[in-house]
Amino acid sequence: VERAGALVRHVQVGDRVAIPWLADACGRC
């Protein structure tokens, strides 16, 4: 992670992360 938007709390700049098939979902259904 090189930059993080203002609402991002889950990870921080410098963390190594994976970008999987599920890019995002609604989180409510």
mmCIF file of all heavy atoms, coordinates in Angstrom:
data_MODEL
# 
_entry.id   MODEL 
# 
loop_
_atom_site.group_PDB 
_atom_site.id 
_atom_site.type_symbol 
_atom_site.label_atom_id 
_atom_site.label_alt_id 
_atom_site.label_comp_id 
_atom_site.label_asym_id 
_atom_site.label_entity_id 
_atom_site.label_seq_id 
_atom_site.pdbx_PDB_ins_code 
_atom_site.Cartn_x 
_atom_site.Cartn_y 
_atom_site.Cartn_z 
_atom_site.occupancy 
_atom_site.B_iso_or_equiv 
_atom_site.pdbx_formal_charge 
_atom_site.auth_seq_id 
_atom_site.auth_comp_id 
_atom_site.auth_asym_id 
_atom_site.auth_atom_id 
_atom_site.pdbx_PDB_model_num 
ATOM 1   N N   . VAL A 1 1  ? 0.851   -1.192  0.000   1.00 0.00 ? 1  VAL A N   1 
ATOM 2   C CA  . VAL A 1 1  ? 0.000   0.000   0.000   1.00 0.00 ? 1  VAL A CA  1 
ATOM 3   C C   . VAL A 1 1  ? 0.889   1.244   0.000   1.00 0.00 ? 1  VAL A C   1 
ATOM 4   O O   . VAL A 1 1  ? 1.702   1.444   0.907   1.00 0.00 ? 1  VAL A O   1 
ATOM 5   C CB  . VAL A 1 1  ? -0.927  0.016   1.229   1.00 0.00 ? 1  VAL A CB  1 
ATOM 6   C CG1 . VAL A 1 1  ? -1.725  1.326   1.272   1.00 0.00 ? 1  VAL A CG1 1 
ATOM 7   C CG2 . VAL A 1 1  ? -1.870  -1.181  1.203   1.00 0.00 ? 1  VAL A CG2 1 
ATOM 8   N N   . GLU A 1 2  ? 0.737   2.072   -1.032  1.00 0.00 ? 2  GLU A N   1 
ATOM 9   C CA  . GLU A 1 2  ? 1.522   3.308   -1.123  1.00 0.00 ? 2  GLU A CA  1 
ATOM 10  C C   . GLU A 1 2  ? 0.730   4.538   -0.713  1.00 0.00 ? 2  GLU A C   1 
ATOM 11  O O   . GLU A 1 2  ? 1.298   5.504   -0.203  1.00 0.00 ? 2  GLU A O   1 
ATOM 12  C CB  . GLU A 1 2  ? 2.066   3.485   -2.543  1.00 0.00 ? 2  GLU A CB  1 
ATOM 13  C CG  . GLU A 1 2  ? 3.170   2.516   -2.890  1.00 0.00 ? 2  GLU A CG  1 
ATOM 14  C CD  . GLU A 1 2  ? 4.283   3.179   -3.681  1.00 0.00 ? 2  GLU A CD  1 
ATOM 15  O OE1 . GLU A 1 2  ? 4.036   4.214   -4.327  1.00 0.00 ? 2  GLU A OE1 1 
ATOM 16  O OE2 . GLU A 1 2  ? 5.411   2.633   -3.663  1.00 0.00 ? 2  GLU A OE2 1 
ATOM 17  N N   . ARG A 1 3  ? -0.580  4.493   -0.940  1.00 0.00 ? 3  ARG A N   1 
ATOM 18  C CA  . ARG A 1 3  ? -1.440  5.604   -0.522  1.00 0.00 ? 3  ARG A CA  1 
ATOM 19  C C   . ARG A 1 3  ? -2.761  5.032   -0.050  1.00 0.00 ? 3  ARG A C   1 
ATOM 20  O O   . ARG A 1 3  ? -3.222  3.993   -0.552  1.00 0.00 ? 3  ARG A O   1 
ATOM 21  C CB  . ARG A 1 3  ? -1.669  6.594   -1.661  1.00 0.00 ? 3  ARG A CB  1 
ATOM 22  C CG  . ARG A 1 3  ? -0.437  7.364   -2.101  1.00 0.00 ? 3  ARG A CG  1 
ATOM 23  C CD  . ARG A 1 3  ? -0.775  8.413   -3.146  1.00 0.00 ? 3  ARG A CD  1 
ATOM 24  N NE  . ARG A 1 3  ? -1.742  9.379   -2.626  1.00 0.00 ? 3  ARG A NE  1 
ATOM 25  C CZ  . ARG A 1 3  ? -2.343  10.301  -3.375  1.00 0.00 ? 3  ARG A CZ  1 
ATOM 26  N NH1 . ARG A 1 3  ? -2.080  10.366  -4.673  1.00 0.00 ? 3  ARG A NH1 1 
ATOM 27  N NH2 . ARG A 1 3  ? -3.196  11.147  -2.839  1.00 0.00 ? 3  ARG A NH2 1 
ATOM 28  N N   . ALA A 1 4  ? -3.381  5.698   0.916   1.00 0.00 ? 4  ALA A N   1 
ATOM 29  C CA  . ALA A 1 4  ? -4.669  5.251   1.438   1.00 0.00 ? 4  ALA A CA  1 
ATOM 30  C C   . ALA A 1 4  ? -5.613  6.432   1.531   1.00 0.00 ? 4  ALA A C   1 
ATOM 31  O O   . ALA A 1 4  ? -5.229  7.518   1.979   1.00 0.00 ? 4  ALA A O   1 
ATOM 32  C CB  . ALA A 1 4  ? -4.498  4.599   2.806   1.00 0.00 ? 4  ALA A CB  1 
ATOM 33  N N   . GLY A 1 5  ? -6.867  6.221   1.084   1.00 0.00 ? 5  GLY A N   1 
ATOM 34  C CA  . GLY A 1 5  ? -7.874  7.266   1.165   1.00 0.00 ? 5  GLY A CA  1 
ATOM 35  C C   . GLY A 1 5  ? -8.245  7.576   2.608   1.00 0.00 ? 5  GLY A C   1 
ATOM 36  O O   . GLY A 1 5  ? -7.984  6.788   3.531   1.00 0.00 ? 5  GLY A O   1 
ATOM 37  N N   . ALA A 1 6  ? -8.905  8.692   2.802   1.00 0.00 ? 6  ALA A N   1 
ATOM 38  C CA  . ALA A 1 6  ? -9.202  9.192   4.155   1.00 0.00 ? 6  ALA A CA  1 
ATOM 39  C C   . ALA A 1 6  ? -10.116 8.270   4.942   1.00 0.00 ? 6  ALA A C   1 
ATOM 40  O O   . ALA A 1 6  ? -10.094 8.290   6.182   1.00 0.00 ? 6  ALA A O   1 
ATOM 41  C CB  . ALA A 1 6  ? -9.826  10.581  4.045   1.00 0.00 ? 6  ALA A CB  1 
ATOM 42  N N   . LEU A 1 7  ? -10.925 7.455   4.264   1.00 0.00 ? 7  LEU A N   1 
ATOM 43  C CA  . LEU A 1 7  ? -11.868 6.583   4.965   1.00 0.00 ? 7  LEU A CA  1 
ATOM 44  C C   . LEU A 1 7  ? -11.307 5.195   5.245   1.00 0.00 ? 7  LEU A C   1 
ATOM 45  O O   . LEU A 1 7  ? -11.977 4.362   5.862   1.00 0.00 ? 7  LEU A O   1 
ATOM 46  C CB  . LEU A 1 7  ? -13.154 6.442   4.143   1.00 0.00 ? 7  LEU A CB  1 
ATOM 47  C CG  . LEU A 1 7  ? -13.921 7.735   3.873   1.00 0.00 ? 7  LEU A CG  1 
ATOM 48  C CD1 . LEU A 1 7  ? -15.166 7.439   3.047   1.00 0.00 ? 7  LEU A CD1 1 
ATOM 49  C CD2 . LEU A 1 7  ? -14.298 8.429   5.180   1.00 0.00 ? 7  LEU A CD2 1 
ATOM 50  N N   . VAL A 1 8  ? -10.089 4.916   4.805   1.00 0.00 ? 8  VAL A N   1 
ATOM 51  C CA  . VAL A 1 8  ? -9.513  3.578   4.956   1.00 0.00 ? 8  VAL A CA  1 
ATOM 52  C C   . VAL A 1 8  ? -8.995  3.403   6.383   1.00 0.00 ? 8  VAL A C   1 
ATOM 53  O O   . VAL A 1 8  ? -8.179  4.191   6.864   1.00 0.00 ? 8  VAL A O   1 
ATOM 54  C CB  . VAL A 1 8  ? -8.375  3.343   3.943   1.00 0.00 ? 8  VAL A CB  1 
ATOM 55  C CG1 . VAL A 1 8  ? -7.693  2.006   4.211   1.00 0.00 ? 8  VAL A CG1 1 
ATOM 56  C CG2 . VAL A 1 8  ? -8.928  3.388   2.517   1.00 0.00 ? 8  VAL A CG2 1 
ATOM 57  N N   . ARG A 1 9  ? -9.486  2.363   7.064   1.00 0.00 ? 9  ARG A N   1 
ATOM 58  C CA  . ARG A 1 9  ? -9.042  2.059   8.418   1.00 0.00 ? 9  ARG A CA  1 
ATOM 59  C C   . ARG A 1 9  ? -8.468  0.639   8.526   1.00 0.00 ? 9  ARG A C   1 
ATOM 60  O O   . ARG A 1 9  ? -7.758  0.321   9.481   1.00 0.00 ? 9  ARG A O   1 
ATOM 61  C CB  . ARG A 1 9  ? -10.217 2.179   9.392   1.00 0.00 ? 9  ARG A CB  1 
ATOM 62  C CG  . ARG A 1 9  ? -10.841 3.566   9.452   1.00 0.00 ? 9  ARG A CG  1 
ATOM 63  C CD  . ARG A 1 9  ? -9.921  4.556   10.170  1.00 0.00 ? 9  ARG A CD  1 
ATOM 64  N NE  . ARG A 1 9  ? -10.567 5.864   10.305  1.00 0.00 ? 9  ARG A NE  1 
ATOM 65  C CZ  . ARG A 1 9  ? -10.467 6.817   9.395   1.00 0.00 ? 9  ARG A CZ  1 
ATOM 66  N NH1 . ARG A 1 9  ? -9.764  6.617   8.278   1.00 0.00 ? 9  ARG A NH1 1 
ATOM 67  N NH2 . ARG A 1 9  ? -11.080 7.975   9.567   1.00 0.00 ? 9  ARG A NH2 1 
ATOM 68  N N   . HIS A 1 10 ? -8.784  -0.189  7.574   1.00 0.00 ? 10 HIS A N   1 
ATOM 69  C CA  . HIS A 1 10 ? -8.456  -1.611  7.648   1.00 0.00 ? 10 HIS A CA  1 
ATOM 70  C C   . HIS A 1 10 ? -6.956  -1.869  7.466   1.00 0.00 ? 10 HIS A C   1 
ATOM 71  O O   . HIS A 1 10 ? -6.406  -2.780  8.071   1.00 0.00 ? 10 HIS A O   1 
ATOM 72  C CB  . HIS A 1 10 ? -9.266  -2.361  6.582   1.00 0.00 ? 10 HIS A CB  1 
ATOM 73  C CG  . HIS A 1 10 ? -8.969  -3.813  6.463   1.00 0.00 ? 10 HIS A CG  1 
ATOM 74  N ND1 . HIS A 1 10 ? -9.031  -4.676  7.534   1.00 0.00 ? 10 HIS A ND1 1 
ATOM 75  C CD2 . HIS A 1 10 ? -8.615  -4.576  5.393   1.00 0.00 ? 10 HIS A CD2 1 
ATOM 76  C CE1 . HIS A 1 10 ? -8.735  -5.892  7.126   1.00 0.00 ? 10 HIS A CE1 1 
ATOM 77  N NE2 . HIS A 1 10 ? -8.468  -5.858  5.842   1.00 0.00 ? 10 HIS A NE2 1 
ATOM 78  N N   . VAL A 1 11 ? -6.311  -1.087  6.613   1.00 0.00 ? 11 VAL A N   1 
ATOM 79  C CA  . VAL A 1 11 ? -4.879  -1.253  6.351   1.00 0.00 ? 11 VAL A CA  1 
ATOM 80  C C   . VAL A 1 11 ? -4.208  0.116   6.347   1.00 0.00 ? 11 VAL A C   1 
ATOM 81  O O   . VAL A 1 11 ? -4.881  1.154   6.280   1.00 0.00 ? 11 VAL A O   1 
ATOM 82  C CB  . VAL A 1 11 ? -4.626  -1.973  5.002   1.00 0.00 ? 11 VAL A CB  1 
ATOM 83  C CG1 . VAL A 1 11 ? -5.086  -3.420  5.053   1.00 0.00 ? 11 VAL A CG1 1 
ATOM 84  C CG2 . VAL A 1 11 ? -5.309  -1.241  3.853   1.00 0.00 ? 11 VAL A CG2 1 
ATOM 85  N N   . GLN A 1 12 ? -2.872  0.101   6.383   1.00 0.00 ? 12 GLN A N   1 
ATOM 86  C CA  . GLN A 1 12 ? -2.103  1.335   6.419   1.00 0.00 ? 12 GLN A CA  1 
ATOM 87  C C   . GLN A 1 12 ? -1.056  1.340   5.321   1.00 0.00 ? 12 GLN A C   1 
ATOM 88  O O   . GLN A 1 12 ? -0.701  0.285   4.763   1.00 0.00 ? 12 GLN A O   1 
ATOM 89  C CB  . GLN A 1 12 ? -1.413  1.476   7.781   1.00 0.00 ? 12 GLN A CB  1 
ATOM 90  C CG  . GLN A 1 12 ? -2.360  1.545   8.968   1.00 0.00 ? 12 GLN A CG  1 
ATOM 91  C CD  . GLN A 1 12 ? -1.616  1.629   10.280  1.00 0.00 ? 12 GLN A CD  1 
ATOM 92  O OE1 . GLN A 1 12 ? -0.428  1.299   10.360  1.00 0.00 ? 12 GLN A OE1 1 
ATOM 93  N NE2 . GLN A 1 12 ? -2.294  2.095   11.320  1.00 0.00 ? 12 GLN A NE2 1 
ATOM 94  N N   . VAL A 1 13 ? -0.554  2.523   5.023   1.00 0.00 ? 13 VAL A N   1 
ATOM 95  C CA  . VAL A 1 13 ? 0.554   2.653   4.074   1.00 0.00 ? 13 VAL A CA  1 
ATOM 96  C C   . VAL A 1 13 ? 1.720   1.788   4.573   1.00 0.00 ? 13 VAL A C   1 
ATOM 97  O O   . VAL A 1 13 ? 2.057   1.785   5.759   1.00 0.00 ? 13 VAL A O   1 
ATOM 98  C CB  . VAL A 1 13 ? 0.986   4.126   3.955   1.00 0.00 ? 13 VAL A CB  1 
ATOM 99  C CG1 . VAL A 1 13 ? 2.283   4.242   3.141   1.00 0.00 ? 13 VAL A CG1 1 
ATOM 100 C CG2 . VAL A 1 13 ? -0.125  4.950   3.312   1.00 0.00 ? 13 VAL A CG2 1 
ATOM 101 N N   . GLY A 1 14 ? 2.293   1.027   3.640   1.00 0.00 ? 14 GLY A N   1 
ATOM 102 C CA  . GLY A 1 14 ? 3.402   0.146   3.991   1.00 0.00 ? 14 GLY A CA  1 
ATOM 103 C C   . GLY A 1 14 ? 3.002   -1.303  4.185   1.00 0.00 ? 14 GLY A C   1 
ATOM 104 O O   . GLY A 1 14 ? 3.866   -2.189  4.195   1.00 0.00 ? 14 GLY A O   1 
ATOM 105 N N   . ASP A 1 15 ? 1.702   -1.567  4.346   1.00 0.00 ? 15 ASP A N   1 
ATOM 106 C CA  . ASP A 1 15 ? 1.238   -2.949  4.509   1.00 0.00 ? 15 ASP A CA  1 
ATOM 107 C C   . ASP A 1 15 ? 1.293   -3.689  3.179   1.00 0.00 ? 15 ASP A C   1 
ATOM 108 O O   . ASP A 1 15 ? 1.003   -3.120  2.121   1.00 0.00 ? 15 ASP A O   1 
ATOM 109 C CB  . ASP A 1 15 ? -0.207  -2.975  5.024   1.00 0.00 ? 15 ASP A CB  1 
ATOM 110 C CG  . ASP A 1 15 ? -0.339  -2.553  6.473   1.00 0.00 ? 15 ASP A CG  1 
ATOM 111 O OD1 . ASP A 1 15 ? 0.706   -2.399  7.138   1.00 0.00 ? 15 ASP A OD1 1 
ATOM 112 O OD2 . ASP A 1 15 ? -1.480  -2.367  6.925   1.00 0.00 ? 15 ASP A OD2 1 
ATOM 113 N N   . ARG A 1 16 ? 1.621   -4.969  3.250   1.00 0.00 ? 16 ARG A N   1 
ATOM 114 C CA  . ARG A 1 16 ? 1.520   -5.823  2.059   1.00 0.00 ? 16 ARG A CA  1 
ATOM 115 C C   . ARG A 1 16 ? 0.131   -6.453  2.053   1.00 0.00 ? 16 ARG A C   1 
ATOM 116 O O   . ARG A 1 16 ? -0.303  -7.026  3.056   1.00 0.00 ? 16 ARG A O   1 
ATOM 117 C CB  . ARG A 1 16 ? 2.608   -6.905  2.059   1.00 0.00 ? 16 ARG A CB  1 
ATOM 118 C CG  . ARG A 1 16 ? 2.484   -7.881  0.873   1.00 0.00 ? 16 ARG A CG  1 
ATOM 119 C CD  . ARG A 1 16 ? 3.689   -8.792  0.751   1.00 0.00 ? 16 ARG A CD  1 
ATOM 120 N NE  . ARG A 1 16 ? 4.837   -8.059  0.246   1.00 0.00 ? 16 ARG A NE  1 
ATOM 121 C CZ  . ARG A 1 16 ? 5.978   -7.890  0.905   1.00 0.00 ? 16 ARG A CZ  1 
ATOM 122 N NH1 . ARG A 1 16 ? 6.116   -8.404  2.127   1.00 0.00 ? 16 ARG A NH1 1 
ATOM 123 N NH2 . ARG A 1 16 ? 6.974   -7.215  0.373   1.00 0.00 ? 16 ARG A NH2 1 
ATOM 124 N N   . VAL A 1 17 ? -0.560  -6.349  0.924   1.00 0.00 ? 17 VAL A N   1 
ATOM 125 C CA  . VAL A 1 17 ? -1.935  -6.829  0.833   1.00 0.00 ? 17 VAL A CA  1 
ATOM 126 C C   . VAL A 1 17 ? -2.140  -7.598  -0.464  1.00 0.00 ? 17 VAL A C   1 
ATOM 127 O O   . VAL A 1 17 ? -1.360  -7.476  -1.420  1.00 0.00 ? 17 VAL A O   1 
ATOM 128 C CB  . VAL A 1 17 ? -2.949  -5.666  0.902   1.00 0.00 ? 17 VAL A CB  1 
ATOM 129 C CG1 . VAL A 1 17 ? -2.844  -4.930  2.237   1.00 0.00 ? 17 VAL A CG1 1 
ATOM 130 C CG2 . VAL A 1 17 ? -2.767  -4.703  -0.271  1.00 0.00 ? 17 VAL A CG2 1 
ATOM 131 N N   . ALA A 1 18 ? -3.225  -8.364  -0.475  1.00 0.00 ? 18 ALA A N   1 
ATOM 132 C CA  . ALA A 1 18 ? -3.647  -9.084  -1.676  1.00 0.00 ? 18 ALA A CA  1 
ATOM 133 C C   . ALA A 1 18 ? -4.916  -8.457  -2.224  1.00 0.00 ? 18 ALA A C   1 
ATOM 134 O O   . ALA A 1 18 ? -5.802  -8.042  -1.460  1.00 0.00 ? 18 ALA A O   1 
ATOM 135 C CB  . ALA A 1 18 ? -3.887  -10.552 -1.352  1.00 0.00 ? 18 ALA A CB  1 
ATOM 136 N N   . ILE A 1 19 ? -4.997  -8.387  -3.547  1.00 0.00 ? 19 ILE A N   1 
ATOM 137 C CA  . ILE A 1 19 ? -6.201  -7.914  -4.248  1.00 0.00 ? 19 ILE A CA  1 
ATOM 138 C C   . ILE A 1 19 ? -6.838  -9.138  -4.903  1.00 0.00 ? 19 ILE A C   1 
ATOM 139 O O   . ILE A 1 19 ? -6.391  -9.594  -5.955  1.00 0.00 ? 19 ILE A O   1 
ATOM 140 C CB  . ILE A 1 19 ? -5.857  -6.852  -5.310  1.00 0.00 ? 19 ILE A CB  1 
ATOM 141 C CG1 . ILE A 1 19 ? -5.125  -5.670  -4.674  1.00 0.00 ? 19 ILE A CG1 1 
ATOM 142 C CG2 . ILE A 1 19 ? -7.119  -6.388  -6.024  1.00 0.00 ? 19 ILE A CG2 1 
ATOM 143 C CD1 . ILE A 1 19 ? -4.638  -4.644  -5.686  1.00 0.00 ? 19 ILE A CD1 1 
ATOM 144 N N   . PRO A 1 20 ? -7.865  -9.712  -4.282  1.00 0.00 ? 20 PRO A N   1 
ATOM 145 C CA  . PRO A 1 20 ? -8.471  -10.935 -4.819  1.00 0.00 ? 20 PRO A CA  1 
ATOM 146 C C   . PRO A 1 20 ? -9.603  -10.649 -5.794  1.00 0.00 ? 20 PRO A C   1 
ATOM 147 O O   . PRO A 1 20 ? -9.888  -9.494  -6.122  1.00 0.00 ? 20 PRO A O   1 
ATOM 148 C CB  . PRO A 1 20 ? -8.991  -11.619 -3.546  1.00 0.00 ? 20 PRO A CB  1 
ATOM 149 C CG  . PRO A 1 20 ? -9.366  -10.470 -2.652  1.00 0.00 ? 20 PRO A CG  1 
ATOM 150 C CD  . PRO A 1 20 ? -8.436  -9.322  -2.994  1.00 0.00 ? 20 PRO A CD  1 
ATOM 151 N N   . TRP A 1 21 ? -10.263 -11.723 -6.243  1.00 0.00 ? 21 TRP A N   1 
ATOM 152 C CA  . TRP A 1 21 ? -11.362 -11.635 -7.196  1.00 0.00 ? 21 TRP A CA  1 
ATOM 153 C C   . TRP A 1 21 ? -12.484 -10.737 -6.687  1.00 0.00 ? 21 TRP A C   1 
ATOM 154 O O   . TRP A 1 21 ? -13.021 -9.907  -7.413  1.00 0.00 ? 21 TRP A O   1 
ATOM 155 C CB  . TRP A 1 21 ? -11.894 -13.041 -7.480  1.00 0.00 ? 21 TRP A CB  1 
ATOM 156 C CG  . TRP A 1 21 ? -13.149 -13.130 -8.276  1.00 0.00 ? 21 TRP A CG  1 
ATOM 157 C CD1 . TRP A 1 21 ? -14.381 -13.494 -7.824  1.00 0.00 ? 21 TRP A CD1 1 
ATOM 158 C CD2 . TRP A 1 21 ? -13.307 -12.875 -9.683  1.00 0.00 ? 21 TRP A CD2 1 
ATOM 159 N NE1 . TRP A 1 21 ? -15.293 -13.480 -8.852  1.00 0.00 ? 21 TRP A NE1 1 
ATOM 160 C CE2 . TRP A 1 21 ? -14.663 -13.108 -10.006 1.00 0.00 ? 21 TRP A CE2 1 
ATOM 161 C CE3 . TRP A 1 21 ? -12.432 -12.474 -10.691 1.00 0.00 ? 21 TRP A CE3 1 
ATOM 162 C CZ2 . TRP A 1 21 ? -15.157 -12.953 -11.293 1.00 0.00 ? 21 TRP A CZ2 1 
ATOM 163 C CZ3 . TRP A 1 21 ? -12.928 -12.313 -11.992 1.00 0.00 ? 21 TRP A CZ3 1 
ATOM 164 C CH2 . TRP A 1 21 ? -14.276 -12.552 -12.285 1.00 0.00 ? 21 TRP A CH2 1 
ATOM 165 N N   . LEU A 1 22 ? -12.852 -10.876 -5.410  1.00 0.00 ? 22 LEU A N   1 
ATOM 166 C CA  . LEU A 1 22 ? -13.917 -10.061 -4.843  1.00 0.00 ? 22 LEU A CA  1 
ATOM 167 C C   . LEU A 1 22 ? -13.375 -8.671  -4.559  1.00 0.00 ? 22 LEU A C   1 
ATOM 168 O O   . LEU A 1 22 ? -12.778 -8.412  -3.526  1.00 0.00 ? 22 LEU A O   1 
ATOM 169 C CB  . LEU A 1 22 ? -14.469 -10.687 -3.559  1.00 0.00 ? 22 LEU A CB  1 
ATOM 170 C CG  . LEU A 1 22 ? -15.668 -9.960  -2.949  1.00 0.00 ? 22 LEU A CG  1 
ATOM 171 C CD1 . LEU A 1 22 ? -16.904 -10.096 -3.845  1.00 0.00 ? 22 LEU A CD1 1 
ATOM 172 C CD2 . LEU A 1 22 ? -15.969 -10.480 -1.553  1.00 0.00 ? 22 LEU A CD2 1 
ATOM 173 N N   . ALA A 1 23 ? -13.614 -7.752  -5.499  1.00 0.00 ? 23 ALA A N   1 
ATOM 174 C CA  . ALA A 1 23 ? -13.120 -6.385  -5.334  1.00 0.00 ? 23 ALA A CA  1 
ATOM 175 C C   . ALA A 1 23 ? -13.891 -5.649  -4.254  1.00 0.00 ? 23 ALA A C   1 
ATOM 176 O O   . ALA A 1 23 ? -13.309 -4.897  -3.467  1.00 0.00 ? 23 ALA A O   1 
ATOM 177 C CB  . ALA A 1 23 ? -13.214 -5.632  -6.663  1.00 0.00 ? 23 ALA A CB  1 
ATOM 178 N N   . ASP A 1 24 ? -15.202 -5.851  -4.217  1.00 0.00 ? 24 ASP A N   1 
ATOM 179 C CA  . ASP A 1 24 ? -16.038 -5.319  -3.141  1.00 0.00 ? 24 ASP A CA  1 
ATOM 180 C C   . ASP A 1 24 ? -17.429 -5.903  -3.282  1.00 0.00 ? 24 ASP A C   1 
ATOM 181 O O   . ASP A 1 24 ? -17.783 -6.491  -4.302  1.00 0.00 ? 24 ASP A O   1 
ATOM 182 C CB  . ASP A 1 24 ? -16.076 -3.784  -3.148  1.00 0.00 ? 24 ASP A CB  1 
ATOM 183 C CG  . ASP A 1 24 ? -16.706 -3.194  -4.403  1.00 0.00 ? 24 ASP A CG  1 
ATOM 184 O OD1 . ASP A 1 24 ? -17.900 -3.452  -4.649  1.00 0.00 ? 24 ASP A OD1 1 
ATOM 185 O OD2 . ASP A 1 24 ? -16.001 -2.489  -5.145  1.00 0.00 ? 24 ASP A OD2 1 
ATOM 186 N N   . ALA A 1 25 ? -18.209 -5.761  -2.219  1.00 0.00 ? 25 ALA A N   1 
ATOM 187 C CA  . ALA A 1 25 ? -19.604 -6.200  -2.221  1.00 0.00 ? 25 ALA A CA  1 
ATOM 188 C C   . ALA A 1 25 ? -20.408 -5.164  -1.455  1.00 0.00 ? 25 ALA A C   1 
ATOM 189 O O   . ALA A 1 25 ? -19.839 -4.226  -0.878  1.00 0.00 ? 25 ALA A O   1 
ATOM 190 C CB  . ALA A 1 25 ? -19.727 -7.585  -1.587  1.00 0.00 ? 25 ALA A CB  1 
ATOM 191 N N   . CYS A 1 26 ? -21.734 -5.340  -1.414  1.00 0.00 ? 26 CYS A N   1 
ATOM 192 C CA  . CYS A 1 26 ? -22.566 -4.302  -0.798  1.00 0.00 ? 26 CYS A CA  1 
ATOM 193 C C   . CYS A 1 26 ? -22.414 -4.264  0.712   1.00 0.00 ? 26 CYS A C   1 
ATOM 194 O O   . CYS A 1 26 ? -22.559 -3.215  1.337   1.00 0.00 ? 26 CYS A O   1 
ATOM 195 C CB  . CYS A 1 26 ? -24.024 -4.482  -1.198  1.00 0.00 ? 26 CYS A CB  1 
ATOM 196 S SG  . CYS A 1 26 ? -24.910 -5.771  -0.285  1.00 0.00 ? 26 CYS A SG  1 
ATOM 197 N N   . GLY A 1 27 ? -22.122 -5.412  1.324   1.00 0.00 ? 27 GLY A N   1 
ATOM 198 C CA  . GLY A 1 27 ? -21.943 -5.470  2.765   1.00 0.00 ? 27 GLY A CA  1 
ATOM 199 C C   . GLY A 1 27 ? -23.226 -5.466  3.566   1.00 0.00 ? 27 GLY A C   1 
ATOM 200 O O   . GLY A 1 27 ? -23.192 -5.503  4.805   1.00 0.00 ? 27 GLY A O   1 
ATOM 201 N N   . ARG A 1 28 ? -24.392 -5.461  2.901   1.00 0.00 ? 28 ARG A N   1 
ATOM 202 C CA  . ARG A 1 28 ? -25.658 -5.325  3.605   1.00 0.00 ? 28 ARG A CA  1 
ATOM 203 C C   . ARG A 1 28 ? -26.664 -6.423  3.274   1.00 0.00 ? 28 ARG A C   1 
ATOM 204 O O   . ARG A 1 28 ? -27.582 -6.654  4.059   1.00 0.00 ? 28 ARG A O   1 
ATOM 205 C CB  . ARG A 1 28 ? -26.301 -3.971  3.281   1.00 0.00 ? 28 ARG A CB  1 
ATOM 206 C CG  . ARG A 1 28 ? -25.489 -2.773  3.715   1.00 0.00 ? 28 ARG A CG  1 
ATOM 207 C CD  . ARG A 1 28 ? -26.177 -1.469  3.331   1.00 0.00 ? 28 ARG A CD  1 
ATOM 208 N NE  . ARG A 1 28 ? -26.417 -1.373  1.897   1.00 0.00 ? 28 ARG A NE  1 
ATOM 209 C CZ  . ARG A 1 28 ? -25.511 -0.953  1.009   1.00 0.00 ? 28 ARG A CZ  1 
ATOM 210 N NH1 . ARG A 1 28 ? -24.303 -0.602  1.423   1.00 0.00 ? 28 ARG A NH1 1 
ATOM 211 N NH2 . ARG A 1 28 ? -25.797 -0.879  -0.276  1.00 0.00 ? 28 ARG A NH2 1 
ATOM 212 N N   . CYS A 1 29 ? -26.535 -7.069  2.147   1.00 0.00 ? 29 CYS A N   1 
ATOM 213 C CA  . CYS A 1 29 ? -27.530 -8.071  1.744   1.00 0.00 ? 29 CYS A CA  1 
ATOM 214 C C   . CYS A 1 29 ? -27.409 -9.327  2.611   1.00 0.00 ? 29 CYS A C   1 
ATOM 215 O O   . CYS A 1 29 ? -26.469 -9.484  3.396   1.00 0.00 ? 29 CYS A O   1 
ATOM 216 C CB  . CYS A 1 29 ? -27.364 -8.424  0.266   1.00 0.00 ? 29 CYS A CB  1 
ATOM 217 S SG  . CYS A 1 29 ? -25.841 -9.331  -0.111  1.00 0.00 ? 29 CYS A SG  1 
# 
